[in-house]
Amino acid sequence: MEPEIQEQLRHLQENLKRIKALLAWERLKCNEAGSGGITMFQLHDPTREDLKNEYSLLMSSLLNMNSTLNDHSAEISHAGRNDIQWQLEEIEEQVNGLGLHRRFAAPGR
């Protein structure tokens, strides 16, 4: 069970890197747009949708992993459970620091 969870943690880290890269791209675009440069045409830019999809995937994966950790019938050692929990908390802290929960919160919440 633990090797599978370590693989899932690796995917979460990759997902977080993609989110950070999309945010950096978005900031760059905003800076360029605000620099007063004249653009002749506007290309379709899926950055916002990509960001929303990556964030949704990450949050879903975090929920699944927390659920697995809380399932005490799962064959995970105590030390392994603590280490995985610590890594999940680190990822959650980084994600919360990005403020995406405010950006993509459901209307009326």
PDB file of N, CA and C in Angstrom:
ATOM      1  N   MET A   1       0.826  -1.202   0.000  1.00  0.00           N
ATOM      2  CA  MET A   1       0.000   0.000   0.000  1.00  0.00           C
ATOM      3  C   MET A   1       0.863   1.257   0.000  1.00  0.00           C
ATOM      4  N   GLU A   2       1.928   1.281   0.788  1.00  0.00           N
ATOM      5  CA  GLU A   2       2.746   2.484   0.898  1.00  0.00           C
ATOM      6  C   GLU A   2       3.421   2.877  -0.419  1.00  0.00           C
ATOM      7  N   PRO A   3       3.938   1.928  -1.218  1.00  0.00           N
ATOM      8  CA  PRO A   3       4.514   2.345  -2.506  1.00  0.00           C
ATOM      9  C   PRO A   3       3.479   3.022  -3.419  1.00  0.00           C
ATOM     10  N   GLU A   4       2.239   2.544  -3.392  1.00  0.00           N
ATOM     11  CA  GLU A   4       1.184   3.170  -4.185  1.00  0.00           C
ATOM     12  C   GLU A   4       0.924   4.595  -3.706  1.00  0.00           C
ATOM     13  N   ILE A   5       0.924   4.787  -2.406  1.00  0.00           N
ATOM     14  CA  ILE A   5       0.682   6.112  -1.843  1.00  0.00           C
ATOM     15  C   ILE A   5       1.849   7.041  -2.168  1.00  0.00           C
ATOM     16  N   GLN A   6       3.062   6.529  -2.135  1.00  0.00           N
ATOM     17  CA  GLN A   6       4.222   7.348  -2.498  1.00  0.00           C
ATOM     18  C   GLN A   6       4.115   7.794  -3.959  1.00  0.00           C
ATOM     19  N   GLU A   7       3.622   6.922  -4.815  1.00  0.00           N
ATOM     20  CA  GLU A   7       3.418   7.273  -6.226  1.00  0.00           C
ATOM     21  C   GLU A   7       2.341   8.355  -6.344  1.00  0.00           C
ATOM     22  N   GLN A   8       1.285   8.239  -5.569  1.00  0.00           N
ATOM     23  CA  GLN A   8       0.233   9.260  -5.578  1.00  0.00           C
ATOM     24  C   GLN A   8       0.767  10.598  -5.071  1.00  0.00           C
ATOM     25  N   LEU A   9       1.623  10.568  -4.065  1.00  0.00           N
ATOM     26  CA  LEU A   9       2.245  11.799  -3.564  1.00  0.00           C
ATOM     27  C   LEU A   9       3.103  12.452  -4.644  1.00  0.00           C
ATOM     28  N   ARG A  10       3.817  11.630  -5.403  1.00  0.00           N
ATOM     29  CA  ARG A  10       4.636  12.153  -6.491  1.00  0.00           C
ATOM     30  C   ARG A  10       3.753  12.839  -7.532  1.00  0.00           C
ATOM     31  N   HIS A  11       2.599  12.230  -7.835  1.00  0.00           N
ATOM     32  CA  HIS A  11       1.666  12.841  -8.781  1.00  0.00           C
ATOM     33  C   HIS A  11       1.113  14.156  -8.232  1.00  0.00           C
ATOM     34  N   LEU A  12       0.845  14.208  -6.947  1.00  0.00           N
ATOM     35  CA  LEU A  12       0.369  15.454  -6.334  1.00  0.00           C
ATOM     36  C   LEU A  12       1.416  16.559  -6.470  1.00  0.00           C
ATOM     37  N   GLN A  13       2.671  16.224  -6.223  1.00  0.00           N
ATOM     38  CA  GLN A  13       3.749  17.209  -6.355  1.00  0.00           C
ATOM     39  C   GLN A  13       3.854  17.714  -7.799  1.00  0.00           C
ATOM     40  N   GLU A  14       3.725  16.805  -8.768  1.00  0.00           N
ATOM     41  CA  GLU A  14       3.770  17.199 -10.175  1.00  0.00           C
ATOM     42  C   GLU A  14       2.585  18.103 -10.515  1.00  0.00           C
ATOM     43  N   ASN A  15       1.429  17.759  -9.990  1.00  0.00           N
ATOM     44  CA  ASN A  15       0.224  18.559 -10.199  1.00  0.00           C
ATOM     45  C   ASN A  15       0.415  19.961  -9.634  1.00  0.00           C
ATOM     46  N   LEU A  16       0.991  20.053  -8.450  1.00  0.00           N
ATOM     47  CA  LEU A  16       1.251  21.352  -7.823  1.00  0.00           C
ATOM     48  C   LEU A  16       2.238  22.167  -8.665  1.00  0.00           C
ATOM     49  N   LYS A  17       3.252  21.522  -9.218  1.00  0.00           N
ATOM     50  CA  LYS A  17       4.205  22.219 -10.087  1.00  0.00           C
ATOM     51  C   LYS A  17       3.505  22.768 -11.331  1.00  0.00           C
ATOM     52  N   ARG A  18       2.593  21.991 -11.910  1.00  0.00           N
ATOM     53  CA  ARG A  18       1.853  22.461 -13.086  1.00  0.00           C
ATOM     54  C   ARG A  18       0.991  23.673 -12.733  1.00  0.00           C
ATOM     55  N   ILE A  19       0.377  23.641 -11.551  1.00  0.00           N
ATOM     56  CA  ILE A  19      -0.443  24.773 -11.107  1.00  0.00           C
ATOM     57  C   ILE A  19       0.424  26.017 -10.960  1.00  0.00           C
ATOM     58  N   LYS A  20       1.570  25.878 -10.339  1.00  0.00           N
ATOM     59  CA  LYS A  20       2.464  27.018 -10.153  1.00  0.00           C
ATOM     60  C   LYS A  20       2.945  27.558 -11.505  1.00  0.00           C
ATOM     61  N   ALA A  21       3.214  26.669 -12.448  1.00  0.00           N
ATOM     62  CA  ALA A  21       3.645  27.105 -13.782  1.00  0.00           C
ATOM     63  C   ALA A  21       2.516  27.856 -14.500  1.00  0.00           C
ATOM     64  N   LEU A  22       1.290  27.371 -14.370  1.00  0.00           N
ATOM     65  CA  LEU A  22       0.150  28.056 -14.982  1.00  0.00           C
ATOM     66  C   LEU A  22      -0.064  29.431 -14.363  1.00  0.00           C
ATOM     67  N   LEU A  23       0.094  29.530 -13.050  1.00  0.00           N
ATOM     68  CA  LEU A  23      -0.041  30.833 -12.386  1.00  0.00           C
ATOM     69  C   LEU A  23       1.049  31.795 -12.835  1.00  0.00           C
ATOM     70  N   ALA A  24       2.263  31.294 -13.004  1.00  0.00           N
ATOM     71  CA  ALA A  24       3.355  32.135 -13.476  1.00  0.00           C
ATOM     72  C   ALA A  24       3.074  32.619 -14.902  1.00  0.00           C
ATOM     73  N   TRP A  25       2.568  31.731 -15.730  1.00  0.00           N
ATOM     74  CA  TRP A  25       2.216  32.101 -17.104  1.00  0.00           C
ATOM     75  C   TRP A  25       1.113  33.163 -17.108  1.00  0.00           C
ATOM     76  N   GLU A  26       0.148  32.983 -16.248  1.00  0.00           N
ATOM     77  CA  GLU A  26      -0.957  33.934 -16.153  1.00  0.00           C
ATOM     78  C   GLU A  26      -0.443  35.317 -15.713  1.00  0.00           C
ATOM     79  N   ARG A  27       0.454  35.346 -14.733  1.00  0.00           N
ATOM     80  CA  ARG A  27       1.028  36.620 -14.274  1.00  0.00           C
ATOM     81  C   ARG A  27       1.818  37.298 -15.389  1.00  0.00           C
ATOM     82  N   LEU A  28       2.576  36.501 -16.127  1.00  0.00           N
ATOM     83  CA  LEU A  28       3.350  37.046 -17.235  1.00  0.00           C
ATOM     84  C   LEU A  28       2.424  37.672 -18.275  1.00  0.00           C
ATOM     85  N   LYS A  29       1.351  36.978 -18.618  1.00  0.00           N
ATOM     86  CA  LYS A  29       0.392  37.509 -19.589  1.00  0.00           C
ATOM     87  C   LYS A  29      -0.222  38.816 -19.094  1.00  0.00           C
ATOM     88  N   CYS A  30      -0.590  38.860 -17.829  1.00  0.00           N
ATOM     89  CA  CYS A  30      -1.181  40.078 -17.258  1.00  0.00           C
ATOM     90  C   CYS A  30      -0.185  41.233 -17.287  1.00  0.00           C
ATOM     91  N   ASN A  31       1.066  40.944 -16.955  1.00  0.00           N
ATOM     92  CA  ASN A  31       2.097  41.982 -16.985  1.00  0.00           C
ATOM     93  C   ASN A  31       2.313  42.497 -18.399  1.00  0.00           C
ATOM     94  N   GLU A  32       2.329  41.594 -19.349  1.00  0.00           N
ATOM     95  CA  GLU A  32       2.511  41.996 -20.740  1.00  0.00           C
ATOM     96  C   GLU A  32       1.316  42.804 -21.229  1.00  0.00           C
ATOM     97  N   ALA A  33       0.130  42.401 -20.851  1.00  0.00           N
ATOM     98  CA  ALA A  33      -1.081  43.118 -21.269  1.00  0.00           C
ATOM     99  C   ALA A  33      -1.121  44.509 -20.644  1.00  0.00           C
ATOM    100  N   GLY A  34      -0.614  44.629 -19.440  1.00  0.00           N
ATOM    101  CA  GLY A  34      -0.625  45.907 -18.739  1.00  0.00           C
ATOM    102  C   GLY A  34       0.536  46.810 -19.103  1.00  0.00           C
ATOM    103  N   SER A  35       1.458  46.325 -19.928  1.00  0.00           N
ATOM    104  CA  SER A  35       2.640  47.121 -20.265  1.00  0.00           C
ATOM    105  C   SER A  35       2.372  48.158 -21.350  1.00  0.00           C
ATOM    106  N   GLY A  36       1.153  48.188 -21.854  1.00  0.00           N
ATOM    107  CA  GLY A  36       0.798  49.196 -22.843  1.00  0.00           C
ATOM    108  C   GLY A  36       1.071  48.760 -24.265  1.00  0.00           C
ATOM    109  N   GLY A  37       1.544  47.551 -24.424  1.00  0.00           N
ATOM    110  CA  GLY A  37       1.775  47.048 -25.774  1.00  0.00           C
ATOM    111  C   GLY A  37       0.461  46.842 -26.509  1.00  0.00           C
ATOM    112  N   ILE A  38       0.458  47.161 -27.774  1.00  0.00           N
ATOM    113  CA  ILE A  38      -0.759  47.014 -28.579  1.00  0.00           C
ATOM    114  C   ILE A  38      -0.740  45.636 -29.222  1.00  0.00           C
ATOM    115  N   THR A  39      -1.820  44.919 -29.043  1.00  0.00           N
ATOM    116  CA  THR A  39      -1.930  43.610 -29.677  1.00  0.00           C
ATOM    117  C   THR A  39      -2.949  43.690 -30.794  1.00  0.00           C
ATOM    118  N   MET A  40      -2.598  43.126 -31.917  1.00  0.00           N
ATOM    119  CA  MET A  40      -3.462  43.170 -33.091  1.00  0.00           C
ATOM    120  C   MET A  40      -4.604  42.160 -32.991  1.00  0.00           C
ATOM    121  N   PHE A  41      -4.354  41.057 -32.336  1.00  0.00           N
ATOM    122  CA  PHE A  41      -5.374  40.018 -32.228  1.00  0.00           C
ATOM    123  C   PHE A  41      -5.211  39.266 -30.926  1.00  0.00           C
ATOM    124  N   GLN A  42      -6.248  38.599 -30.540  1.00  0.00           N
ATOM    125  CA  GLN A  42      -6.256  37.859 -29.276  1.00  0.00           C
ATOM    126  C   GLN A  42      -6.393  36.366 -29.591  1.00  0.00           C
ATOM    127  N   LEU A  43      -5.440  35.579 -29.161  1.00  0.00           N
ATOM    128  CA  LEU A  43      -5.509  34.133 -29.343  1.00  0.00           C
ATOM    129  C   LEU A  43      -6.310  33.511 -28.207  1.00  0.00           C
ATOM    130  N   HIS A  44      -6.917  32.375 -28.514  1.00  0.00           N
ATOM    131  CA  HIS A  44      -7.621  31.642 -27.461  1.00  0.00           C
ATOM    132  C   HIS A  44      -6.593  31.182 -26.432  1.00  0.00           C
ATOM    133  N   ASP A  45      -6.882  31.433 -25.177  1.00  0.00           N
ATOM    134  CA  ASP A  45      -5.954  31.066 -24.111  1.00  0.00           C
ATOM    135  C   ASP A  45      -6.682  30.216 -23.079  1.00  0.00           C
ATOM    136  N   PRO A  46      -6.354  28.942 -23.023  1.00  0.00           N
ATOM    137  CA  PRO A  46      -7.045  28.038 -22.091  1.00  0.00           C
ATOM    138  C   PRO A  46      -6.452  28.021 -20.682  1.00  0.00           C
ATOM    139  N   THR A  47      -5.593  28.983 -20.346  1.00  0.00           N
ATOM    140  CA  THR A  47      -4.882  28.952 -19.063  1.00  0.00           C
ATOM    141  C   THR A  47      -5.836  28.867 -17.875  1.00  0.00           C
ATOM    142  N   ARG A  48      -6.886  29.693 -17.864  1.00  0.00           N
ATOM    143  CA  ARG A  48      -7.810  29.681 -16.735  1.00  0.00           C
ATOM    144  C   ARG A  48      -8.483  28.315 -16.591  1.00  0.00           C
ATOM    145  N   GLU A  49      -8.927  27.746 -17.689  1.00  0.00           N
ATOM    146  CA  GLU A  49      -9.584  26.433 -17.642  1.00  0.00           C
ATOM    147  C   GLU A  49      -8.588  25.343 -17.240  1.00  0.00           C
ATOM    148  N   ASP A  50      -7.376  25.414 -17.765  1.00  0.00           N
ATOM    149  CA  ASP A  50      -6.335  24.445 -17.380  1.00  0.00           C
ATOM    150  C   ASP A  50      -6.042  24.535 -15.886  1.00  0.00           C
ATOM    151  N   LEU A  51      -5.966  25.747 -15.394  1.00  0.00           N
ATOM    152  CA  LEU A  51      -5.706  25.960 -13.974  1.00  0.00           C
ATOM    153  C   LEU A  51      -6.835  25.390 -13.121  1.00  0.00           C
ATOM    154  N   LYS A  52      -8.052  25.640 -13.535  1.00  0.00           N
ATOM    155  CA  LYS A  52      -9.206  25.115 -12.802  1.00  0.00           C
ATOM    156  C   LYS A  52      -9.207  23.585 -12.810  1.00  0.00           C
ATOM    157  N   ASN A  53      -8.887  22.989 -13.953  1.00  0.00           N
ATOM    158  CA  ASN A  53      -8.843  21.527 -14.049  1.00  0.00           C
ATOM    159  C   ASN A  53      -7.749  20.937 -13.171  1.00  0.00           C
ATOM    160  N   GLU A  54      -6.571  21.541 -13.206  1.00  0.00           N
ATOM    161  CA  GLU A  54      -5.458  21.056 -12.376  1.00  0.00           C
ATOM    162  C   GLU A  54      -5.794  21.175 -10.886  1.00  0.00           C
ATOM    163  N   TYR A  55      -6.393  22.294 -10.519  1.00  0.00           N
ATOM    164  CA  TYR A  55      -6.772  22.509  -9.122  1.00  0.00           C
ATOM    165  C   TYR A  55      -7.817  21.481  -8.688  1.00  0.00           C
ATOM    166  N   SER A  56      -8.803  21.235  -9.528  1.00  0.00           N
ATOM    167  CA  SER A  56      -9.840  20.242  -9.205  1.00  0.00           C
ATOM    168  C   SER A  56      -9.238  18.854  -9.044  1.00  0.00           C
ATOM    169  N   LEU A  57      -8.333  18.508  -9.944  1.00  0.00           N
ATOM    170  CA  LEU A  57      -7.669  17.208  -9.869  1.00  0.00           C
ATOM    171  C   LEU A  57      -6.864  17.080  -8.583  1.00  0.00           C
ATOM    172  N   LEU A  58      -6.126  18.132  -8.246  1.00  0.00           N
ATOM    173  CA  LEU A  58      -5.314  18.106  -7.040  1.00  0.00           C
ATOM    174  C   LEU A  58      -6.183  17.968  -5.791  1.00  0.00           C
ATOM    175  N   MET A  59      -7.254  18.751  -5.717  1.00  0.00           N
ATOM    176  CA  MET A  59      -8.119  18.691  -4.536  1.00  0.00           C
ATOM    177  C   MET A  59      -8.785  17.321  -4.410  1.00  0.00           C
ATOM    178  N   SER A  60      -9.201  16.760  -5.522  1.00  0.00           N
ATOM    179  CA  SER A  60      -9.802  15.429  -5.503  1.00  0.00           C
ATOM    180  C   SER A  60      -8.791  14.388  -5.017  1.00  0.00           C
ATOM    181  N   SER A  61      -7.569  14.490  -5.507  1.00  0.00           N
ATOM    182  CA  SER A  61      -6.514  13.556  -5.089  1.00  0.00           C
ATOM    183  C   SER A  61      -6.190  13.706  -3.611  1.00  0.00           C
ATOM    184  N   LEU A  62      -6.154  14.945  -3.133  1.00  0.00           N
ATOM    185  CA  LEU A  62      -5.904  15.169  -1.701  1.00  0.00           C
ATOM    186  C   LEU A  62      -7.000  14.529  -0.851  1.00  0.00           C
ATOM    187  N   LEU A  63      -8.241  14.700  -1.261  1.00  0.00           N
ATOM    188  CA  LEU A  63      -9.350  14.093  -0.518  1.00  0.00           C
ATOM    189  C   LEU A  63      -9.246  12.573  -0.509  1.00  0.00           C
ATOM    190  N   ASN A  64      -8.927  11.993  -1.641  1.00  0.00           N
ATOM    191  CA  ASN A  64      -8.789  10.536  -1.723  1.00  0.00           C
ATOM    192  C   ASN A  64      -7.657  10.033  -0.840  1.00  0.00           C
ATOM    193  N   MET A  65      -6.547  10.742  -0.862  1.00  0.00           N
ATOM    194  CA  MET A  65      -5.412  10.307  -0.042  1.00  0.00           C
ATOM    195  C   MET A  65      -5.705  10.446   1.447  1.00  0.00           C
ATOM    196  N   ASN A  66      -6.355  11.540   1.835  1.00  0.00           N
ATOM    197  CA  ASN A  66      -6.736  11.698   3.243  1.00  0.00           C
ATOM    198  C   ASN A  66      -7.712  10.612   3.659  1.00  0.00           C
ATOM    199  N   SER A  67      -8.605  10.258   2.777  1.00  0.00           N
ATOM    200  CA  SER A  67      -9.555   9.184   3.063  1.00  0.00           C
ATOM    201  C   SER A  67      -8.819   7.860   3.267  1.00  0.00           C
ATOM    202  N   THR A  68      -7.842   7.597   2.420  1.00  0.00           N
ATOM    203  CA  THR A  68      -7.050   6.372   2.554  1.00  0.00           C
ATOM    204  C   THR A  68      -6.299   6.360   3.876  1.00  0.00           C
ATOM    205  N   LEU A  69      -5.724   7.492   4.250  1.00  0.00           N
ATOM    206  CA  LEU A  69      -4.991   7.560   5.517  1.00  0.00           C
ATOM    207  C   LEU A  69      -5.897   7.367   6.717  1.00  0.00           C
ATOM    208  N   ASN A  70      -7.124   7.848   6.608  1.00  0.00           N
ATOM    209  CA  ASN A  70      -8.068   7.714   7.715  1.00  0.00           C
ATOM    210  C   ASN A  70      -8.697   6.335   7.795  1.00  0.00           C
ATOM    211  N   ASP A  71      -8.491   5.525   6.767  1.00  0.00           N
ATOM    212  CA  ASP A  71      -8.986   4.155   6.769  1.00  0.00           C
ATOM    213  C   ASP A  71      -7.964   3.294   7.507  1.00  0.00           C
ATOM    214  N   HIS A  72      -8.250   2.993   8.747  1.00  0.00           N
ATOM    215  CA  HIS A  72      -7.277   2.278   9.573  1.00  0.00           C
ATOM    216  C   HIS A  72      -7.145   0.807   9.202  1.00  0.00           C
ATOM    217  N   SER A  73      -7.974   0.331   8.281  1.00  0.00           N
ATOM    218  CA  SER A  73      -7.797  -1.035   7.808  1.00  0.00           C
ATOM    219  C   SER A  73      -6.746  -1.089   6.696  1.00  0.00           C
ATOM    220  N   ALA A  74      -6.352   0.074   6.184  1.00  0.00           N
ATOM    221  CA  ALA A  74      -5.302   0.118   5.159  1.00  0.00           C
ATOM    222  C   ALA A  74      -3.979  -0.321   5.775  1.00  0.00           C
ATOM    223  N   GLU A  75      -3.233  -1.068   5.004  1.00  0.00           N
ATOM    224  CA  GLU A  75      -1.968  -1.612   5.498  1.00  0.00           C
ATOM    225  C   GLU A  75      -0.855  -0.578   5.364  1.00  0.00           C
ATOM    226  N   ILE A  76      -0.854   0.365   6.304  1.00  0.00           N
ATOM    227  CA  ILE A  76       0.157   1.419   6.328  1.00  0.00           C
ATOM    228  C   ILE A  76       0.743   1.448   7.731  1.00  0.00           C
ATOM    229  N   SER A  77       2.065   1.422   7.802  1.00  0.00           N
ATOM    230  CA  SER A  77       2.710   1.460   9.116  1.00  0.00           C
ATOM    231  C   SER A  77       2.433   2.802   9.776  1.00  0.00           C
ATOM    232  N   HIS A  78       2.572   2.829  11.085  1.00  0.00           N
ATOM    233  CA  HIS A  78       2.347   4.065  11.833  1.00  0.00           C
ATOM    234  C   HIS A  78       3.315   5.160  11.376  1.00  0.00           C
ATOM    235  N   ALA A  79       4.594   4.790  11.246  1.00  0.00           N
ATOM    236  CA  ALA A  79       5.596   5.762  10.792  1.00  0.00           C
ATOM    237  C   ALA A  79       5.289   6.223   9.367  1.00  0.00           C
ATOM    238  N   GLY A  80       4.898   5.294   8.523  1.00  0.00           N
ATOM    239  CA  GLY A  80       4.543   5.639   7.143  1.00  0.00           C
ATOM    240  C   GLY A  80       3.344   6.561   7.090  1.00  0.00           C
ATOM    241  N   ARG A  81       2.349   6.268   7.914  1.00  0.00           N
ATOM    242  CA  ARG A  81       1.142   7.104   7.976  1.00  0.00           C
ATOM    243  C   ARG A  81       1.501   8.537   8.403  1.00  0.00           C
ATOM    244  N   ASN A  82       2.365   8.660   9.417  1.00  0.00           N
ATOM    245  CA  ASN A  82       2.776   9.987   9.888  1.00  0.00           C
ATOM    246  C   ASN A  82       3.542  10.750   8.809  1.00  0.00           C
ATOM    247  N   ASP A  83       4.445  10.055   8.122  1.00  0.00           N
ATOM    248  CA  ASP A  83       5.235  10.691   7.066  1.00  0.00           C
ATOM    249  C   ASP A  83       4.337  11.156   5.917  1.00  0.00           C
ATOM    250  N   ILE A  84       3.416  10.320   5.520  1.00  0.00           N
ATOM    251  CA  ILE A  84       2.498  10.664   4.429  1.00  0.00           C
ATOM    252  C   ILE A  84       1.610  11.827   4.845  1.00  0.00           C
ATOM    253  N   GLN A  85       1.129  11.792   6.068  1.00  0.00           N
ATOM    254  CA  GLN A  85       0.289  12.886   6.563  1.00  0.00           C
ATOM    255  C   GLN A  85       1.048  14.203   6.548  1.00  0.00           C
ATOM    256  N   TRP A  86       2.314  14.167   6.964  1.00  0.00           N
ATOM    257  CA  TRP A  86       3.137  15.373   6.967  1.00  0.00           C
ATOM    258  C   TRP A  86       3.297  15.909   5.540  1.00  0.00           C
ATOM    259  N   GLN A  87       3.556  15.010   4.574  1.00  0.00           N
ATOM    260  CA  GLN A  87       3.722  15.429   3.177  1.00  0.00           C
ATOM    261  C   GLN A  87       2.429  16.021   2.615  1.00  0.00           C
ATOM    262  N   LEU A  88       1.307  15.412   2.961  1.00  0.00           N
ATOM    263  CA  LEU A  88       0.016  15.944   2.509  1.00  0.00           C
ATOM    264  C   LEU A  88      -0.238  17.326   3.086  1.00  0.00           C
ATOM    265  N   GLU A  89       0.096  17.513   4.351  1.00  0.00           N
ATOM    266  CA  GLU A  89      -0.081  18.828   4.980  1.00  0.00           C
ATOM    267  C   GLU A  89       0.790  19.879   4.299  1.00  0.00           C
ATOM    268  N   GLU A  90       1.994  19.498   3.912  1.00  0.00           N
ATOM    269  CA  GLU A  90       2.892  20.419   3.206  1.00  0.00           C
ATOM    270  C   GLU A  90       2.281  20.837   1.863  1.00  0.00           C
ATOM    271  N   ILE A  91       1.754  19.877   1.139  1.00  0.00           N
ATOM    272  CA  ILE A  91       1.137  20.168  -0.159  1.00  0.00           C
ATOM    273  C   ILE A  91      -0.096  21.048   0.037  1.00  0.00           C
ATOM    274  N   GLU A  92      -0.926  20.709   1.007  1.00  0.00           N
ATOM    275  CA  GLU A  92      -2.130  21.498   1.278  1.00  0.00           C
ATOM    276  C   GLU A  92      -1.774  22.933   1.649  1.00  0.00           C
ATOM    277  N   GLU A  93      -0.728  23.100   2.440  1.00  0.00           N
ATOM    278  CA  GLU A  93      -0.299  24.438   2.849  1.00  0.00           C
ATOM    279  C   GLU A  93       0.133  25.261   1.631  1.00  0.00           C
ATOM    280  N   GLN A  94       0.873  24.637   0.738  1.00  0.00           N
ATOM    281  CA  GLN A  94       1.305  25.326  -0.477  1.00  0.00           C
ATOM    282  C   GLN A  94       0.111  25.705  -1.359  1.00  0.00           C
ATOM    283  N   VAL A  95      -0.817  24.783  -1.502  1.00  0.00           N
ATOM    284  CA  VAL A  95      -2.004  25.043  -2.324  1.00  0.00           C
ATOM    285  C   VAL A  95      -2.833  26.165  -1.709  1.00  0.00           C
ATOM    286  N   ASN A  96      -3.030  26.115  -0.406  1.00  0.00           N
ATOM    287  CA  ASN A  96      -3.803  27.175   0.258  1.00  0.00           C
ATOM    288  C   ASN A  96      -3.128  28.526   0.100  1.00  0.00           C
ATOM    289  N   GLY A  97      -1.812  28.551   0.106  1.00  0.00           N
ATOM    290  CA  GLY A  97      -1.069  29.789  -0.066  1.00  0.00           C
ATOM    291  C   GLY A  97      -1.258  30.420  -1.439  1.00  0.00           C
ATOM    292  N   LEU A  98      -1.677  29.635  -2.405  1.00  0.00           N
ATOM    293  CA  LEU A  98      -1.900  30.159  -3.757  1.00  0.00           C
ATOM    294  C   LEU A  98      -3.238  30.888  -3.881  1.00  0.00           C
ATOM    295  N   GLY A  99      -4.140  30.673  -2.924  1.00  0.00           N
ATOM    296  CA  GLY A  99      -5.432  31.374  -2.922  1.00  0.00           C
ATOM    297  C   GLY A  99      -6.431  30.891  -3.955  1.00  0.00           C
ATOM    298  N   LEU A 100      -6.197  29.735  -4.512  1.00  0.00           N
ATOM    299  CA  LEU A 100      -7.105  29.242  -5.548  1.00  0.00           C
ATOM    300  C   LEU A 100      -8.477  28.870  -5.003  1.00  0.00           C
ATOM    301  N   HIS A 101      -8.559  28.551  -3.724  1.00  0.00           N
ATOM    302  CA  HIS A 101      -9.852  28.205  -3.136  1.00  0.00           C
ATOM    303  C   HIS A 101     -10.808  29.394  -3.205  1.00  0.00           C
ATOM    304  N   ARG A 102     -10.293  30.597  -3.086  1.00  0.00           N
ATOM    305  CA  ARG A 102     -11.157  31.784  -3.216  1.00  0.00           C
ATOM    306  C   ARG A 102     -11.556  32.010  -4.665  1.00  0.00           C
ATOM    307  N   ARG A 103     -10.639  31.744  -5.537  1.00  0.00           N
ATOM    308  CA  ARG A 103     -10.860  31.987  -6.962  1.00  0.00           C
ATOM    309  C   ARG A 103     -11.872  31.018  -7.569  1.00  0.00           C
ATOM    310  N   PHE A 104     -11.818  29.772  -7.168  1.00  0.00           N
ATOM    311  CA  PHE A 104     -12.657  28.752  -7.779  1.00  0.00           C
ATOM    312  C   PHE A 104     -13.770  28.265  -6.856  1.00  0.00           C
ATOM    313  N   ALA A 105     -14.041  28.998  -5.782  1.00  0.00           N
ATOM    314  CA  ALA A 105     -15.116  28.603  -4.873  1.00  0.00           C
ATOM    315  C   ALA A 105     -16.454  28.642  -5.607  1.00  0.00           C
ATOM    316  N   ALA A 106     -17.319  27.727  -5.240  1.00  0.00           N
ATOM    317  CA  ALA A 106     -18.649  27.691  -5.853  1.00  0.00           C
ATOM    318  C   ALA A 106     -19.420  28.958  -5.491  1.00  0.00           C
ATOM    319  N   PRO A 107     -20.208  29.474  -6.411  1.00  0.00           N
ATOM    320  CA  PRO A 107     -21.008  30.674  -6.118  1.00  0.00           C
ATOM    321  C   PRO A 107     -21.915  30.438  -4.902  1.00  0.00           C
ATOM    322  N   GLY A 108     -22.072  31.461  -4.108  1.00  0.00           N
ATOM    323  CA  GLY A 108     -22.956  31.362  -2.949  1.00  0.00           C
ATOM    324  C   GLY A 108     -22.296  30.788  -1.726  1.00  0.00           C
ATOM    325  N   ARG A 109     -21.009  30.533  -1.786  1.00  0.00           N
ATOM    326  CA  ARG A 109     -20.292  29.961  -0.637  1.00  0.00           C
ATOM    327  C   ARG A 109     -19.565  31.023   0.095  1.00  0.00           C
TER     328      ARG A 109
END
